[in-house]
Amino acid sequence: MTWTWEYLPDEERVAGGCPADFLVDVEQRAGELVRAAEAVHLDGTTYQGGGEPMRYLDVAGGLLAYYVVPRLELVVICQLTPPPGS
């Protein structure tokens, strides 16, 4: 398996209506989150712990909500809040 990220339930519901420049920053941060998770969980498929909590990250003045699913080697982006006035 290879670590990746995705929008859940889908890109339209999570990112629909967000400004393009904000989404560029979100996708860059998602890539960084994937690399960090991969460094922490060298083989996520063997992970035995409980579920990881939802986390929030400031992105370009907006907010990104995500969680990591080690056994699936997946970072899930589940909510975006674009910067005010965008």
C-alpha atoms as a PDB file:
ATOM      1  CA  MET A   1       0.000   0.000   0.000  1.00  0.00           C
ATOM      2  CA  THR A   2       1.031   3.588  -0.490  1.00  0.00           C
ATOM      3  CA  TRP A   3      -0.027   6.526   1.649  1.00  0.00           C
ATOM      4  CA  THR A   4      -2.439   8.954   0.020  1.00  0.00           C
ATOM      5  CA  TRP A   5      -5.141  11.465   0.885  1.00  0.00           C
ATOM      6  CA  GLU A   6      -8.715  11.997  -0.255  1.00  0.00           C
ATOM      7  CA  TYR A   7     -11.803  14.074   0.382  1.00  0.00           C
ATOM      8  CA  LEU A   8     -14.615  12.305   2.238  1.00  0.00           C
ATOM      9  CA  PRO A   9     -17.433  11.882   1.321  1.00  0.00           C
ATOM     10  CA  ASP A  10     -16.219  13.402  -1.991  1.00  0.00           C
ATOM     11  CA  GLU A  11     -14.452  16.442  -3.419  1.00  0.00           C
ATOM     12  CA  GLU A  12     -17.639  18.263  -4.446  1.00  0.00           C
ATOM     13  CA  ARG A  13     -19.198  18.083  -0.975  1.00  0.00           C
ATOM     14  CA  VAL A  14     -16.015  19.010   0.890  1.00  0.00           C
ATOM     15  CA  ALA A  15     -14.312  21.471  -1.463  1.00  0.00           C
ATOM     16  CA  GLY A  16     -17.177  22.678  -3.664  1.00  0.00           C
ATOM     17  CA  GLY A  17     -17.376  26.461  -3.741  1.00  0.00           C
ATOM     18  CA  CYS A  18     -13.951  27.030  -2.164  1.00  0.00           C
ATOM     19  CA  PRO A  19     -11.646  29.499  -3.932  1.00  0.00           C
ATOM     20  CA  ALA A  20      -9.066  27.915  -6.238  1.00  0.00           C
ATOM     21  CA  ASP A  21      -6.068  29.502  -4.482  1.00  0.00           C
ATOM     22  CA  PHE A  22      -7.291  28.158  -1.135  1.00  0.00           C
ATOM     23  CA  LEU A  23      -7.628  24.660  -2.625  1.00  0.00           C
ATOM     24  CA  VAL A  24      -4.060  24.807  -3.947  1.00  0.00           C
ATOM     25  CA  ASP A  25      -2.879  25.479  -0.381  1.00  0.00           C
ATOM     26  CA  VAL A  26      -5.140  22.730   0.993  1.00  0.00           C
ATOM     27  CA  GLU A  27      -3.765  20.154  -1.443  1.00  0.00           C
ATOM     28  CA  GLN A  28      -0.189  21.172  -0.653  1.00  0.00           C
ATOM     29  CA  ARG A  29      -0.840  20.753   3.073  1.00  0.00           C
ATOM     30  CA  ALA A  30      -2.589  17.420   2.414  1.00  0.00           C
ATOM     31  CA  GLY A  31       0.594  16.207   0.723  1.00  0.00           C
ATOM     32  CA  GLU A  32       2.611  17.297   3.755  1.00  0.00           C
ATOM     33  CA  LEU A  33       0.195  15.460   6.060  1.00  0.00           C
ATOM     34  CA  VAL A  34       0.633  12.296   3.988  1.00  0.00           C
ATOM     35  CA  ARG A  35       4.425  12.501   4.235  1.00  0.00           C
ATOM     36  CA  ALA A  36       4.226  13.077   8.006  1.00  0.00           C
ATOM     37  CA  ALA A  37       1.832  10.159   8.535  1.00  0.00           C
ATOM     38  CA  GLU A  38       4.046   7.921   6.430  1.00  0.00           C
ATOM     39  CA  ALA A  39       7.062   8.843   8.577  1.00  0.00           C
ATOM     40  CA  VAL A  40       5.175   8.077  11.805  1.00  0.00           C
ATOM     41  CA  HIS A  41       3.528   4.858  10.571  1.00  0.00           C
ATOM     42  CA  LEU A  42       6.201   3.128   8.494  1.00  0.00           C
ATOM     43  CA  ASP A  43       3.825   0.237   7.790  1.00  0.00           C
ATOM     44  CA  GLY A  44       0.351   1.502   8.530  1.00  0.00           C
ATOM     45  CA  THR A  45      -1.256  -1.783   7.517  1.00  0.00           C
ATOM     46  CA  THR A  46       0.049  -3.361  10.735  1.00  0.00           C
ATOM     47  CA  TYR A  47      -1.307  -0.577  12.971  1.00  0.00           C
ATOM     48  CA  GLN A  48      -3.019  -2.005  16.064  1.00  0.00           C
ATOM     49  CA  GLY A  49      -4.147   1.108  17.963  1.00  0.00           C
ATOM     50  CA  GLY A  50      -7.532   2.762  18.208  1.00  0.00           C
ATOM     51  CA  GLY A  51      -8.780   5.356  15.784  1.00  0.00           C
ATOM     52  CA  GLU A  52      -6.956   8.652  15.635  1.00  0.00           C
ATOM     53  CA  PRO A  53      -8.826  11.855  16.556  1.00  0.00           C
ATOM     54  CA  MET A  54     -10.020  14.529  14.167  1.00  0.00           C
ATOM     55  CA  ARG A  55      -7.445  17.283  13.804  1.00  0.00           C
ATOM     56  CA  TYR A  56      -7.683  20.840  12.544  1.00  0.00           C
ATOM     57  CA  LEU A  57      -5.089  22.818  10.634  1.00  0.00           C
ATOM     58  CA  ASP A  58      -4.916  26.495   9.698  1.00  0.00           C
ATOM     59  CA  VAL A  59      -4.495  26.821   5.931  1.00  0.00           C
ATOM     60  CA  ALA A  60      -4.130  30.231   4.271  1.00  0.00           C
ATOM     61  CA  GLY A  61      -6.445  31.851   6.810  1.00  0.00           C
ATOM     62  CA  GLY A  62      -9.014  29.072   6.526  1.00  0.00           C
ATOM     63  CA  LEU A  63      -9.435  25.742   8.270  1.00  0.00           C
ATOM     64  CA  LEU A  64      -8.901  22.126   7.237  1.00  0.00           C
ATOM     65  CA  ALA A  65     -10.370  19.242   9.273  1.00  0.00           C
ATOM     66  CA  TYR A  66      -8.743  15.852   8.778  1.00  0.00           C
ATOM     67  CA  TYR A  67      -7.972  12.524  10.358  1.00  0.00           C
ATOM     68  CA  VAL A  68      -5.449   9.782   9.693  1.00  0.00           C
ATOM     69  CA  VAL A  69      -6.449   6.153   9.086  1.00  0.00           C
ATOM     70  CA  PRO A  70      -3.163   4.250   9.517  1.00  0.00           C
ATOM     71  CA  ARG A  71      -4.472   0.792   8.534  1.00  0.00           C
ATOM     72  CA  LEU A  72      -5.665   2.197   5.201  1.00  0.00           C
ATOM     73  CA  GLU A  73      -2.575   4.434   4.885  1.00  0.00           C
ATOM     74  CA  LEU A  74      -4.940   7.314   4.257  1.00  0.00           C
ATOM     75  CA  VAL A  75      -5.323  10.947   5.311  1.00  0.00           C
ATOM     76  CA  VAL A  76      -8.982  11.970   5.093  1.00  0.00           C
ATOM     77  CA  ILE A  77      -9.922  15.610   4.471  1.00  0.00           C
ATOM     78  CA  CYS A  78     -13.495  15.884   5.692  1.00  0.00           C
ATOM     79  CA  GLN A  79     -14.196  19.613   6.062  1.00  0.00           C
ATOM     80  CA  LEU A  80     -12.849  22.870   4.650  1.00  0.00           C
ATOM     81  CA  THR A  81     -13.621  26.365   5.882  1.00  0.00           C
ATOM     82  CA  PRO A  82     -12.266  28.956   3.461  1.00  0.00           C
ATOM     83  CA  PRO A  83     -10.880  32.262   4.711  1.00  0.00           C
ATOM     84  CA  PRO A  84     -13.446  34.942   5.556  1.00  0.00           C
ATOM     85  CA  GLY A  85     -14.456  37.075   2.610  1.00  0.00           C
ATOM     86  CA  SER A  86     -13.504  34.533  -0.023  1.00  0.00           C
END
